[in-house]
Amino acid sequence: MNPAMLMSANKSDTTSGSPQSDWFSLTKAGTRTMKILQTTAAFFFALTLTNVSFGHSGGTNAMGCHTNHRTGDYHCHTPKTPPPQRVLYCHVINGEPRCGYALSTCNDLVSQYGGQCVQQ
């Protein structure tokens, strides 16, 4: 074999510009980029779920109100008229009636915050 041909054959084998090595580099870069995108998307999805879950501390009673169990405050969101056939109770604490509860819920509030239950 001619020494010039041998040198040119060795030169083409060692260059990183060959189509096979370029494809391999692109595949590795593409995989790395895809993993970064997937991780970022998962992070933002998880962040969205946490914002939704901390939006409100609980449901409302038949009047559209509830007692915040962390602070003990009673407040209403969307006041509503309860159905006339339901028997509802007021949790009376410090002379303030907090109405619209089922008896079991009212009793739970009395055991937690004091006061008494009075039928509406």
PDB file of N, CA and C in Angstrom:
ATOM      1  N   MET A   1       0.844  -1.180   0.000  1.00  0.00           N
ATOM      2  CA  MET A   1       0.000   0.000   0.000  1.00  0.00           C
ATOM      3  C   MET A   1       0.885   1.236   0.000  1.00  0.00           C
ATOM      4  N   ASN A   2       0.485   2.222  -0.705  1.00  0.00           N
ATOM      5  CA  ASN A   2       1.190   3.480  -0.846  1.00  0.00           C
ATOM      6  C   ASN A   2       1.148   4.221   0.499  1.00  0.00           C
ATOM      7  N   PRO A   3       2.260   4.777   0.992  1.00  0.00           N
ATOM      8  CA  PRO A   3       2.270   5.477   2.279  1.00  0.00           C
ATOM      9  C   PRO A   3       1.321   6.667   2.312  1.00  0.00           C
ATOM     10  N   ALA A   4       1.111   7.348   1.201  1.00  0.00           N
ATOM     11  CA  ALA A   4       0.179   8.485   1.167  1.00  0.00           C
ATOM     12  C   ALA A   4      -1.242   7.993   1.371  1.00  0.00           C
ATOM     13  N   MET A   5      -1.590   6.837   0.775  1.00  0.00           N
ATOM     14  CA  MET A   5      -2.933   6.286   0.941  1.00  0.00           C
ATOM     15  C   MET A   5      -3.142   5.840   2.384  1.00  0.00           C
ATOM     16  N   LEU A   6      -2.101   5.263   2.993  1.00  0.00           N
ATOM     17  CA  LEU A   6      -2.196   4.815   4.371  1.00  0.00           C
ATOM     18  C   LEU A   6      -2.449   5.993   5.298  1.00  0.00           C
ATOM     19  N   MET A   7      -1.790   7.104   5.078  1.00  0.00           N
ATOM     20  CA  MET A   7      -1.981   8.291   5.899  1.00  0.00           C
ATOM     21  C   MET A   7      -3.386   8.846   5.728  1.00  0.00           C
ATOM     22  N   SER A   8      -3.901   8.871   4.485  1.00  0.00           N
ATOM     23  CA  SER A   8      -5.233   9.419   4.277  1.00  0.00           C
ATOM     24  C   SER A   8      -6.296   8.506   4.881  1.00  0.00           C
ATOM     25  N   ALA A   9      -6.074   7.166   4.874  1.00  0.00           N
ATOM     26  CA  ALA A   9      -7.025   6.233   5.478  1.00  0.00           C
ATOM     27  C   ALA A   9      -7.065   6.428   6.987  1.00  0.00           C
ATOM     28  N   ASN A  10      -5.904   6.601   7.619  1.00  0.00           N
ATOM     29  CA  ASN A  10      -5.858   6.816   9.064  1.00  0.00           C
ATOM     30  C   ASN A  10      -6.495   8.146   9.440  1.00  0.00           C
ATOM     31  N   LYS A  11      -6.295   9.155   8.619  1.00  0.00           N
ATOM     32  CA  LYS A  11      -6.831  10.484   8.890  1.00  0.00           C
ATOM     33  C   LYS A  11      -8.358  10.458   8.879  1.00  0.00           C
ATOM     34  N   SER A  12      -8.972   9.749   7.922  1.00  0.00           N
ATOM     35  CA  SER A  12     -10.427   9.726   7.846  1.00  0.00           C
ATOM     36  C   SER A  12     -11.042   8.901   8.972  1.00  0.00           C
ATOM     37  N   ASP A  13     -10.306   7.933   9.505  1.00  0.00           N
ATOM     38  CA  ASP A  13     -10.830   7.104  10.599  1.00  0.00           C
ATOM     39  C   ASP A  13     -10.852   7.875  11.917  1.00  0.00           C
ATOM     40  N   THR A  14      -9.964   8.828  12.103  1.00  0.00           N
ATOM     41  CA  THR A  14      -9.832   9.489  13.394  1.00  0.00           C
ATOM     42  C   THR A  14     -10.580  10.816  13.472  1.00  0.00           C
ATOM     43  N   THR A  15     -11.115  11.293  12.387  1.00  0.00           N
ATOM     44  CA  THR A  15     -11.816  12.585  12.456  1.00  0.00           C
ATOM     45  C   THR A  15     -13.161  12.402  13.124  1.00  0.00           C
ATOM     46  N   SER A  16     -13.557  13.403  13.899  1.00  0.00           N
ATOM     47  CA  SER A  16     -14.846  13.331  14.583  1.00  0.00           C
ATOM     48  C   SER A  16     -15.972  13.830  13.694  1.00  0.00           C
ATOM     49  N   GLY A  17     -15.651  14.253  12.484  1.00  0.00           N
ATOM     50  CA  GLY A  17     -16.668  14.765  11.585  1.00  0.00           C
ATOM     51  C   GLY A  17     -17.336  13.687  10.761  1.00  0.00           C
ATOM     52  N   SER A  18     -17.081  12.433  11.033  1.00  0.00           N
ATOM     53  CA  SER A  18     -17.704  11.368  10.253  1.00  0.00           C
ATOM     54  C   SER A  18     -19.200  11.338  10.540  1.00  0.00           C
ATOM     55  N   PRO A  19     -19.979  10.907   9.546  1.00  0.00           N
ATOM     56  CA  PRO A  19     -21.437  10.892   9.744  1.00  0.00           C
ATOM     57  C   PRO A  19     -21.858  10.045  10.936  1.00  0.00           C
ATOM     58  N   GLN A  20     -21.179   8.944  11.214  1.00  0.00           N
ATOM     59  CA  GLN A  20     -21.576   8.079  12.314  1.00  0.00           C
ATOM     60  C   GLN A  20     -21.350   8.763  13.665  1.00  0.00           C
ATOM     61  N   SER A  21     -20.219   9.423  13.875  1.00  0.00           N
ATOM     62  CA  SER A  21     -19.960  10.058  15.166  1.00  0.00           C
ATOM     63  C   SER A  21     -20.844  11.290  15.348  1.00  0.00           C
ATOM     64  N   ASP A  22     -21.177  12.025  14.283  1.00  0.00           N
ATOM     65  CA  ASP A  22     -22.084  13.175  14.394  1.00  0.00           C
ATOM     66  C   ASP A  22     -23.475  12.714  14.829  1.00  0.00           C
ATOM     67  N   TRP A  23     -23.957  11.621  14.238  1.00  0.00           N
ATOM     68  CA  TRP A  23     -25.283  11.104  14.589  1.00  0.00           C
ATOM     69  C   TRP A  23     -25.314  10.681  16.056  1.00  0.00           C
ATOM     70  N   PHE A  24     -24.243  10.043  16.522  1.00  0.00           N
ATOM     71  CA  PHE A  24     -24.174   9.600  17.908  1.00  0.00           C
ATOM     72  C   PHE A  24     -24.196  10.792  18.859  1.00  0.00           C
ATOM     73  N   SER A  25     -23.468  11.862  18.525  1.00  0.00           N
ATOM     74  CA  SER A  25     -23.443  13.067  19.363  1.00  0.00           C
ATOM     75  C   SER A  25     -24.818  13.714  19.408  1.00  0.00           C
ATOM     76  N   LEU A  26     -25.498  13.791  18.267  1.00  0.00           N
ATOM     77  CA  LEU A  26     -26.831  14.377  18.233  1.00  0.00           C
ATOM     78  C   LEU A  26     -27.812  13.545  19.053  1.00  0.00           C
ATOM     79  N   THR A  27     -27.705  12.238  18.991  1.00  0.00           N
ATOM     80  CA  THR A  27     -28.605  11.369  19.744  1.00  0.00           C
ATOM     81  C   THR A  27     -28.407  11.566  21.238  1.00  0.00           C
ATOM     82  N   LYS A  28     -27.154  11.640  21.691  1.00  0.00           N
ATOM     83  CA  LYS A  28     -26.879  11.867  23.112  1.00  0.00           C
ATOM     84  C   LYS A  28     -27.398  13.224  23.555  1.00  0.00           C
ATOM     85  N   ALA A  29     -27.180  14.257  22.740  1.00  0.00           N
ATOM     86  CA  ALA A  29     -27.655  15.602  23.082  1.00  0.00           C
ATOM     87  C   ALA A  29     -29.175  15.640  23.103  1.00  0.00           C
ATOM     88  N   GLY A  30     -29.807  14.969  22.161  1.00  0.00           N
ATOM     89  CA  GLY A  30     -31.271  14.920  22.112  1.00  0.00           C
ATOM     90  C   GLY A  30     -31.852  14.216  23.317  1.00  0.00           C
ATOM     91  N   THR A  31     -31.233  13.134  23.747  1.00  0.00           N
ATOM     92  CA  THR A  31     -31.694  12.398  24.918  1.00  0.00           C
ATOM     93  C   THR A  31     -31.549  13.251  26.170  1.00  0.00           C
ATOM     94  N   ARG A  32     -30.436  13.939  26.304  1.00  0.00           N
ATOM     95  CA  ARG A  32     -30.190  14.803  27.453  1.00  0.00           C
ATOM     96  C   ARG A  32     -31.218  15.938  27.483  1.00  0.00           C
ATOM     97  N   THR A  33     -31.465  16.549  26.327  1.00  0.00           N
ATOM     98  CA  THR A  33     -32.438  17.637  26.244  1.00  0.00           C
ATOM     99  C   THR A  33     -33.829  17.138  26.598  1.00  0.00           C
ATOM    100  N   MET A  34     -34.174  15.947  26.123  1.00  0.00           N
ATOM    101  CA  MET A  34     -35.495  15.382  26.404  1.00  0.00           C
ATOM    102  C   MET A  34     -35.668  15.120  27.902  1.00  0.00           C
ATOM    103  N   LYS A  35     -34.612  14.624  28.562  1.00  0.00           N
ATOM    104  CA  LYS A  35     -34.695  14.388  30.007  1.00  0.00           C
ATOM    105  C   LYS A  35     -34.880  15.694  30.768  1.00  0.00           C
ATOM    106  N   ILE A  36     -34.207  16.734  30.345  1.00  0.00           N
ATOM    107  CA  ILE A  36     -34.354  18.047  30.987  1.00  0.00           C
ATOM    108  C   ILE A  36     -35.779  18.561  30.809  1.00  0.00           C
ATOM    109  N   LEU A  37     -36.312  18.436  29.609  1.00  0.00           N
ATOM    110  CA  LEU A  37     -37.684  18.880  29.355  1.00  0.00           C
ATOM    111  C   LEU A  37     -38.696  18.087  30.176  1.00  0.00           C
ATOM    112  N   GLN A  38     -38.515  16.772  30.273  1.00  0.00           N
ATOM    113  CA  GLN A  38     -39.430  15.944  31.051  1.00  0.00           C
ATOM    114  C   GLN A  38     -39.368  16.298  32.533  1.00  0.00           C
ATOM    115  N   THR A  39     -38.188  16.521  33.058  1.00  0.00           N
ATOM    116  CA  THR A  39     -38.027  16.888  34.461  1.00  0.00           C
ATOM    117  C   THR A  39     -38.670  18.237  34.740  1.00  0.00           C
ATOM    118  N   THR A  40     -38.459  19.199  33.844  1.00  0.00           N
ATOM    119  CA  THR A  40     -39.051  20.521  34.008  1.00  0.00           C
ATOM    120  C   THR A  40     -40.570  20.451  33.963  1.00  0.00           C
ATOM    121  N   ALA A  41     -41.115  19.696  33.018  1.00  0.00           N
ATOM    122  CA  ALA A  41     -42.567  19.554  32.908  1.00  0.00           C
ATOM    123  C   ALA A  41     -43.139  18.886  34.159  1.00  0.00           C
ATOM    124  N   ALA A  42     -42.478  17.865  34.680  1.00  0.00           N
ATOM    125  CA  ALA A  42     -42.947  17.186  35.894  1.00  0.00           C
ATOM    126  C   ALA A  42     -42.923  18.129  37.089  1.00  0.00           C
ATOM    127  N   PHE A  43     -41.903  18.953  37.192  1.00  0.00           N
ATOM    128  CA  PHE A  43     -41.796  19.914  38.288  1.00  0.00           C
ATOM    129  C   PHE A  43     -42.955  20.910  38.246  1.00  0.00           C
ATOM    130  N   PHE A  44     -43.228  21.489  37.073  1.00  0.00           N
ATOM    131  CA  PHE A  44     -44.305  22.469  36.978  1.00  0.00           C
ATOM    132  C   PHE A  44     -45.679  21.822  37.178  1.00  0.00           C
ATOM    133  N   PHE A  45     -45.849  20.585  36.749  1.00  0.00           N
ATOM    134  CA  PHE A  45     -47.102  19.869  36.987  1.00  0.00           C
ATOM    135  C   PHE A  45     -47.310  19.667  38.486  1.00  0.00           C
ATOM    136  N   ALA A  46     -46.268  19.261  39.200  1.00  0.00           N
ATOM    137  CA  ALA A  46     -46.361  19.065  40.646  1.00  0.00           C
ATOM    138  C   ALA A  46     -46.634  20.390  41.354  1.00  0.00           C
ATOM    139  N   LEU A  47     -46.029  21.461  40.896  1.00  0.00           N
ATOM    140  CA  LEU A  47     -46.248  22.781  41.474  1.00  0.00           C
ATOM    141  C   LEU A  47     -47.698  23.217  41.302  1.00  0.00           C
ATOM    142  N   THR A  48     -48.290  22.925  40.147  1.00  0.00           N
ATOM    143  CA  THR A  48     -49.686  23.245  39.891  1.00  0.00           C
ATOM    144  C   THR A  48     -50.589  22.482  40.855  1.00  0.00           C
ATOM    145  N   LEU A  49     -50.310  21.231  41.110  1.00  0.00           N
ATOM    146  CA  LEU A  49     -51.131  20.437  42.022  1.00  0.00           C
ATOM    147  C   LEU A  49     -51.080  20.979  43.439  1.00  0.00           C
ATOM    148  N   THR A  50     -49.930  21.433  43.888  1.00  0.00           N
ATOM    149  CA  THR A  50     -49.841  21.942  45.245  1.00  0.00           C
ATOM    150  C   THR A  50     -50.619  23.237  45.391  1.00  0.00           C
ATOM    151  N   ASN A  51     -50.630  24.078  44.383  1.00  0.00           N
ATOM    152  CA  ASN A  51     -51.418  25.304  44.462  1.00  0.00           C
ATOM    153  C   ASN A  51     -52.892  24.999  44.562  1.00  0.00           C
ATOM    154  N   VAL A  52     -53.357  24.008  43.846  1.00  0.00           N
ATOM    155  CA  VAL A  52     -54.761  23.634  43.880  1.00  0.00           C
ATOM    156  C   VAL A  52     -55.117  23.059  45.244  1.00  0.00           C
ATOM    157  N   SER A  53     -54.265  22.225  45.799  1.00  0.00           N
ATOM    158  CA  SER A  53     -54.607  21.549  47.044  1.00  0.00           C
ATOM    159  C   SER A  53     -54.612  22.481  48.245  1.00  0.00           C
ATOM    160  N   PHE A  54     -53.909  23.601  48.211  1.00  0.00           N
ATOM    161  CA  PHE A  54     -53.899  24.524  49.333  1.00  0.00           C
ATOM    162  C   PHE A  54     -54.895  25.658  49.177  1.00  0.00           C
ATOM    163  N   GLY A  55     -55.772  25.576  48.192  1.00  0.00           N
ATOM    164  CA  GLY A  55     -56.691  26.667  47.917  1.00  0.00           C
ATOM    165  C   GLY A  55     -57.715  26.916  48.996  1.00  0.00           C
ATOM    166  N   HIS A  56     -58.188  25.868  49.690  1.00  0.00           N
ATOM    167  CA  HIS A  56     -59.236  26.042  50.677  1.00  0.00           C
ATOM    168  C   HIS A  56     -59.164  24.931  51.700  1.00  0.00           C
ATOM    169  N   SER A  57     -59.522  25.243  52.940  1.00  0.00           N
ATOM    170  CA  SER A  57     -59.344  24.275  54.019  1.00  0.00           C
ATOM    171  C   SER A  57     -60.493  23.296  54.195  1.00  0.00           C
ATOM    172  N   GLY A  58     -61.640  23.505  53.568  1.00  0.00           N
ATOM    173  CA  GLY A  58     -62.708  22.533  53.760  1.00  0.00           C
ATOM    174  C   GLY A  58     -63.992  22.902  53.073  1.00  0.00           C
ATOM    175  N   GLY A  59     -64.992  22.044  53.242  1.00  0.00           N
ATOM    176  CA  GLY A  59     -66.301  22.245  52.632  1.00  0.00           C
ATOM    177  C   GLY A  59     -67.145  23.220  53.438  1.00  0.00           C
ATOM    178  N   THR A  60     -68.339  23.475  52.930  1.00  0.00           N
ATOM    179  CA  THR A  60     -69.244  24.408  53.599  1.00  0.00           C
ATOM    180  C   THR A  60     -70.474  23.665  54.098  1.00  0.00           C
ATOM    181  N   ASN A  61     -71.183  24.281  55.038  1.00  0.00           N
ATOM    182  CA  ASN A  61     -72.396  23.672  55.572  1.00  0.00           C
ATOM    183  C   ASN A  61     -73.592  24.032  54.679  1.00  0.00           C
ATOM    184  N   ALA A  62     -74.792  23.726  55.153  1.00  0.00           N
ATOM    185  CA  ALA A  62     -76.008  23.948  54.355  1.00  0.00           C
ATOM    186  C   ALA A  62     -76.265  25.424  54.075  1.00  0.00           C
ATOM    187  N   MET A  63     -75.660  26.304  54.846  1.00  0.00           N
ATOM    188  CA  MET A  63     -75.833  27.743  54.650  1.00  0.00           C
ATOM    189  C   MET A  63     -74.727  28.341  53.763  1.00  0.00           C
ATOM    190  N   GLY A  64     -73.756  27.518  53.340  1.00  0.00           N
ATOM    191  CA  GLY A  64     -72.636  27.999  52.534  1.00  0.00           C
ATOM    192  C   GLY A  64     -71.499  28.547  53.368  1.00  0.00           C
ATOM    193  N   CYS A  65     -71.452  28.189  54.642  1.00  0.00           N
ATOM    194  CA  CYS A  65     -70.450  28.718  55.573  1.00  0.00           C
ATOM    195  C   CYS A  65     -69.653  27.561  56.190  1.00  0.00           C
ATOM    196  N   HIS A  66     -68.576  27.901  56.887  1.00  0.00           N
ATOM    197  CA  HIS A  66     -67.811  26.890  57.618  1.00  0.00           C
ATOM    198  C   HIS A  66     -66.919  27.536  58.656  1.00  0.00           C
ATOM    199  N   THR A  67     -66.439  26.713  59.571  1.00  0.00           N
ATOM    200  CA  THR A  67     -65.500  27.152  60.599  1.00  0.00           C
ATOM    201  C   THR A  67     -64.109  26.757  60.155  1.00  0.00           C
ATOM    202  N   ASN A  68     -63.215  27.723  60.121  1.00  0.00           N
ATOM    203  CA  ASN A  68     -61.825  27.448  59.776  1.00  0.00           C
ATOM    204  C   ASN A  68     -61.209  26.729  60.965  1.00  0.00           C
ATOM    205  N   HIS A  69     -60.788  25.485  60.767  1.00  0.00           N
ATOM    206  CA  HIS A  69     -60.303  24.675  61.885  1.00  0.00           C
ATOM    207  C   HIS A  69     -58.938  25.107  62.400  1.00  0.00           C
ATOM    208  N   ARG A  70     -58.223  25.908  61.652  1.00  0.00           N
ATOM    209  CA  ARG A  70     -56.930  26.404  62.147  1.00  0.00           C
ATOM    210  C   ARG A  70     -57.117  27.602  63.068  1.00  0.00           C
ATOM    211  N   THR A  71     -58.062  28.486  62.717  1.00  0.00           N
ATOM    212  CA  THR A  71     -58.225  29.727  63.480  1.00  0.00           C
ATOM    213  C   THR A  71     -59.484  29.758  64.330  1.00  0.00           C
ATOM    214  N   GLY A  72     -60.472  28.911  64.018  1.00  0.00           N
ATOM    215  CA  GLY A  72     -61.741  28.922  64.735  1.00  0.00           C
ATOM    216  C   GLY A  72     -62.713  29.959  64.196  1.00  0.00           C
ATOM    217  N   ASP A  73     -62.323  30.724  63.191  1.00  0.00           N
ATOM    218  CA  ASP A  73     -63.200  31.751  62.610  1.00  0.00           C
ATOM    219  C   ASP A  73     -64.297  31.098  61.775  1.00  0.00           C
ATOM    220  N   TYR A  74     -65.474  31.716  61.816  1.00  0.00           N
ATOM    221  CA  TYR A  74     -66.630  31.253  61.042  1.00  0.00           C
ATOM    222  C   TYR A  74     -66.864  32.263  59.931  1.00  0.00           C
ATOM    223  N   HIS A  75     -66.962  31.790  58.694  1.00  0.00           N
ATOM    224  CA  HIS A  75     -67.233  32.704  57.593  1.00  0.00           C
ATOM    225  C   HIS A  75     -67.990  31.989  56.482  1.00  0.00           C
ATOM    226  N   CYS A  76     -68.630  32.795  55.621  1.00  0.00           N
ATOM    227  CA  CYS A  76     -69.442  32.260  54.529  1.00  0.00           C
ATOM    228  C   CYS A  76     -68.802  32.596  53.192  1.00  0.00           C
ATOM    229  N   HIS A  77     -69.001  31.706  52.243  1.00  0.00           N
ATOM    230  CA  HIS A  77     -68.497  31.932  50.896  1.00  0.00           C
ATOM    231  C   HIS A  77     -69.637  32.362  49.989  1.00  0.00           C
ATOM    232  N   THR A  78     -70.495  31.448  49.655  1.00  0.00           N
ATOM    233  CA  THR A  78     -71.651  31.750  48.834  1.00  0.00           C
ATOM    234  C   THR A  78     -72.877  31.369  49.650  1.00  0.00           C
ATOM    235  N   PRO A  79     -73.480  32.339  50.328  1.00  0.00           N
ATOM    236  CA  PRO A  79     -74.643  32.014  51.158  1.00  0.00           C
ATOM    237  C   PRO A  79     -75.729  31.339  50.330  1.00  0.00           C
ATOM    238  N   LYS A  80     -76.337  30.305  50.918  1.00  0.00           N
ATOM    239  CA  LYS A  80     -77.403  29.599  50.236  1.00  0.00           C
ATOM    240  C   LYS A  80     -78.518  29.285  51.223  1.00  0.00           C
ATOM    241  N   THR A  81     -79.679  29.034  50.692  1.00  0.00           N
ATOM    242  CA  THR A  81     -80.829  28.693  51.519  1.00  0.00           C
ATOM    243  C   THR A  81     -80.904  27.171  51.628  1.00  0.00           C
ATOM    244  N   PRO A  82     -80.899  26.651  52.860  1.00  0.00           N
ATOM    245  CA  PRO A  82     -80.946  25.196  53.008  1.00  0.00           C
ATOM    246  C   PRO A  82     -82.334  24.651  52.677  1.00  0.00           C
ATOM    247  N   PRO A  83     -82.417  23.386  52.306  1.00  0.00           N
ATOM    248  CA  PRO A  83     -83.726  22.788  52.038  1.00  0.00           C
ATOM    249  C   PRO A  83     -84.585  22.801  53.303  1.00  0.00           C
ATOM    250  N   PRO A  84     -85.883  23.079  53.192  1.00  0.00           N
ATOM    251  CA  PRO A  84     -86.736  23.215  54.381  1.00  0.00           C
ATOM    252  C   PRO A  84     -86.908  21.920  55.181  1.00  0.00           C
ATOM    253  N   GLN A  85     -86.775  20.756  54.572  1.00  0.00           N
ATOM    254  CA  GLN A  85     -87.009  19.504  55.279  1.00  0.00           C
ATOM    255  C   GLN A  85     -85.829  19.063  56.148  1.00  0.00           C
ATOM    256  N   ARG A  86     -84.672  19.656  56.003  1.00  0.00           N
ATOM    257  CA  ARG A  86     -83.490  19.261  56.793  1.00  0.00           C
ATOM    258  C   ARG A  86     -83.530  19.893  58.177  1.00  0.00           C
ATOM    259  N   VAL A  87     -83.151  19.104  59.172  1.00  0.00           N
ATOM    260  CA  VAL A  87     -83.026  19.621  60.534  1.00  0.00           C
ATOM    261  C   VAL A  87     -81.582  20.088  60.687  1.00  0.00           C
ATOM    262  N   LEU A  88     -81.419  21.372  60.969  1.00  0.00           N
ATOM    263  CA  LEU A  88     -80.085  21.952  61.090  1.00  0.00           C
ATOM    264  C   LEU A  88     -79.891  22.529  62.480  1.00  0.00           C
ATOM    265  N   TYR A  89     -78.612  22.683  62.841  1.00  0.00           N
ATOM    266  CA  TYR A  89     -78.267  23.171  64.170  1.00  0.00           C
ATOM    267  C   TYR A  89     -77.322  24.362  64.066  1.00  0.00           C
ATOM    268  N   CYS A  90     -77.410  25.192  65.111  1.00  0.00           N
ATOM    269  CA  CYS A  90     -76.493  26.327  65.227  1.00  0.00           C
ATOM    270  C   CYS A  90     -75.473  26.002  66.316  1.00  0.00           C
ATOM    271  N   HIS A  91     -74.229  26.228  65.998  1.00  0.00           N
ATOM    272  CA  HIS A  91     -73.175  26.137  67.005  1.00  0.00           C
ATOM    273  C   HIS A  91     -73.093  27.529  67.609  1.00  0.00           C
ATOM    274  N   VAL A  92     -73.519  27.656  68.864  1.00  0.00           N
ATOM    275  CA  VAL A  92     -73.543  28.959  69.532  1.00  0.00           C
ATOM    276  C   VAL A  92     -72.326  29.036  70.440  1.00  0.00           C
ATOM    277  N   ILE A  93     -71.477  30.015  70.146  1.00  0.00           N
ATOM    278  CA  ILE A  93     -70.264  30.211  70.941  1.00  0.00           C
ATOM    279  C   ILE A  93     -70.130  31.706  71.231  1.00  0.00           C
ATOM    280  N   ASN A  94     -69.969  32.044  72.508  1.00  0.00           N
ATOM    281  CA  ASN A  94     -69.887  33.448  72.955  1.00  0.00           C
ATOM    282  C   ASN A  94     -71.093  34.255  72.470  1.00  0.00           C
ATOM    283  N   GLY A  95     -72.262  33.638  72.488  1.00  0.00           N
ATOM    284  CA  GLY A  95     -73.491  34.325  72.082  1.00  0.00           C
ATOM    285  C   GLY A  95     -73.669  34.481  70.576  1.00  0.00           C
ATOM    286  N   GLU A  96     -72.706  34.026  69.792  1.00  0.00           N
ATOM    287  CA  GLU A  96     -72.776  34.157  68.323  1.00  0.00           C
ATOM    288  C   GLU A  96     -73.255  32.839  67.704  1.00  0.00           C
ATOM    289  N   PRO A  97     -74.442  32.845  67.038  1.00  0.00           N
ATOM    290  CA  PRO A  97     -74.907  31.619  66.399  1.00  0.00           C
ATOM    291  C   PRO A  97     -74.216  31.408  65.050  1.00  0.00           C
ATOM    292  N   ARG A  98     -73.746  30.210  64.857  1.00  0.00           N
ATOM    293  CA  ARG A  98     -73.127  29.806  63.586  1.00  0.00           C
ATOM    294  C   ARG A  98     -73.975  28.654  63.060  1.00  0.00           C
ATOM    295  N   CYS A  99     -74.927  28.971  62.215  1.00  0.00           N
ATOM    296  CA  CYS A  99     -75.977  28.023  61.848  1.00  0.00           C
ATOM    297  C   CYS A  99     -75.702  27.287  60.538  1.00  0.00           C
ATOM    298  N   GLY A 100     -76.435  26.144  60.384  1.00  0.00           N
ATOM    299  CA  GLY A 100     -76.401  25.391  59.140  1.00  0.00           C
ATOM    300  C   GLY A 100     -75.712  24.055  59.237  1.00  0.00           C
ATOM    301  N   TYR A 101     -75.452  23.573  60.454  1.00  0.00           N
ATOM    302  CA  TYR A 101     -74.708  22.327  60.627  1.00  0.00           C
ATOM    303  C   TYR A 101     -75.622  21.143  60.915  1.00  0.00           C
ATOM    304  N   ALA A 102     -75.186  19.969  60.514  1.00  0.00           N
ATOM    305  CA  ALA A 102     -75.806  18.725  60.964  1.00  0.00           C
ATOM    306  C   ALA A 102     -75.441  18.550  62.435  1.00  0.00           C
ATOM    307  N   LEU A 103     -76.232  17.777  63.171  1.00  0.00           N
ATOM    308  CA  LEU A 103     -75.995  17.616  64.608  1.00  0.00           C
ATOM    309  C   LEU A 103     -74.604  17.054  64.896  1.00  0.00           C
ATOM    310  N   SER A 104     -74.153  16.079  64.126  1.00  0.00           N
ATOM    311  CA  SER A 104     -72.831  15.479  64.382  1.00  0.00           C
ATOM    312  C   SER A 104     -71.713  16.501  64.193  1.00  0.00           C
ATOM    313  N   THR A 105     -71.820  17.326  63.168  1.00  0.00           N
ATOM    314  CA  THR A 105     -70.802  18.356  62.929  1.00  0.00           C
ATOM    315  C   THR A 105     -70.838  19.404  64.028  1.00  0.00           C
ATOM    316  N   CYS A 106     -72.050  19.787  64.433  1.00  0.00           N
ATOM    317  CA  CYS A 106     -72.189  20.765  65.507  1.00  0.00           C
ATOM    318  C   CYS A 106     -71.566  20.231  66.796  1.00  0.00           C
ATOM    319  N   ASN A 107     -71.822  18.966  67.113  1.00  0.00           N
ATOM    320  CA  ASN A 107     -71.227  18.364  68.320  1.00  0.00           C
ATOM    321  C   ASN A 107     -69.711  18.322  68.240  1.00  0.00           C
ATOM    322  N   ASP A 108     -69.159  18.067  67.054  1.00  0.00           N
ATOM    323  CA  ASP A 108     -67.697  18.094  66.875  1.00  0.00           C
ATOM    324  C   ASP A 108     -67.146  19.491  67.154  1.00  0.00           C
ATOM    325  N   LEU A 109     -67.855  20.514  66.669  1.00  0.00           N
ATOM    326  CA  LEU A 109     -67.411  21.891  66.895  1.00  0.00           C
ATOM    327  C   LEU A 109     -67.483  22.259  68.377  1.00  0.00           C
ATOM    328  N   VAL A 110     -68.521  21.798  69.078  1.00  0.00           N
ATOM    329  CA  VAL A 110     -68.644  22.054  70.522  1.00  0.00           C
ATOM    330  C   VAL A 110     -67.482  21.406  71.263  1.00  0.00           C
ATOM    331  N   SER A 111     -67.133  20.167  70.904  1.00  0.00           N
ATOM    332  CA  SER A 111     -66.021  19.500  71.598  1.00  0.00           C
ATOM    333  C   SER A 111     -64.689  20.162  71.293  1.00  0.00           C
ATOM    334  N   GLN A 112     -64.574  20.780  70.132  1.00  0.00           N
ATOM    335  CA  GLN A 112     -63.305  21.414  69.763  1.00  0.00           C
ATOM    336  C   GLN A 112     -63.207  22.857  70.262  1.00  0.00           C
ATOM    337  N   TYR A 113     -64.311  23.619  70.192  1.00  0.00           N
ATOM    338  CA  TYR A 113     -64.252  25.060  70.497  1.00  0.00           C
ATOM    339  C   TYR A 113     -65.121  25.478  71.683  1.00  0.00           C
ATOM    340  N   GLY A 114     -65.925  24.557  72.228  1.00  0.00           N
ATOM    341  CA  GLY A 114     -66.831  24.915  73.314  1.00  0.00           C
ATOM    342  C   GLY A 114     -68.148  25.425  72.750  1.00  0.00           C
ATOM    343  N   GLY A 115     -68.998  25.943  73.626  1.00  0.00           N
ATOM    344  CA  GLY A 115     -70.293  26.440  73.201  1.00  0.00           C
ATOM    345  C   GLY A 115     -71.359  25.351  73.299  1.00  0.00           C
ATOM    346  N   GLN A 116     -72.432  25.506  72.526  1.00  0.00           N
ATOM    347  CA  GLN A 116     -73.512  24.525  72.554  1.00  0.00           C
ATOM    348  C   GLN A 116     -74.194  24.439  71.199  1.00  0.00           C
ATOM    349  N   CYS A 117     -74.945  23.382  70.987  1.00  0.00           N
ATOM    350  CA  CYS A 117     -75.724  23.197  69.759  1.00  0.00           C
ATOM    351  C   CYS A 117     -77.195  23.505  70.039  1.00  0.00           C
ATOM    352  N   VAL A 118     -77.800  24.284  69.180  1.00  0.00           N
ATOM    353  CA  VAL A 118     -79.209  24.647  69.311  1.00  0.00           C
ATOM    354  C   VAL A 118     -79.869  24.372  67.955  1.00  0.00           C
ATOM    355  N   GLN A 119     -81.011  23.664  67.996  1.00  0.00           N
ATOM    356  CA  GLN A 119     -81.719  23.374  66.745  1.00  0.00           C
ATOM    357  C   GLN A 119     -82.273  24.670  66.174  1.00  0.00           C
ATOM    358  N   GLN A 120     -82.180  24.829  64.859  1.00  0.00           N
ATOM    359  CA  GLN A 120     -82.677  26.025  64.176  1.00  0.00           C
ATOM    360  C   GLN A 120     -84.173  26.044  64.167  1.00  0.00           C
TER     361      GLN A 120
END
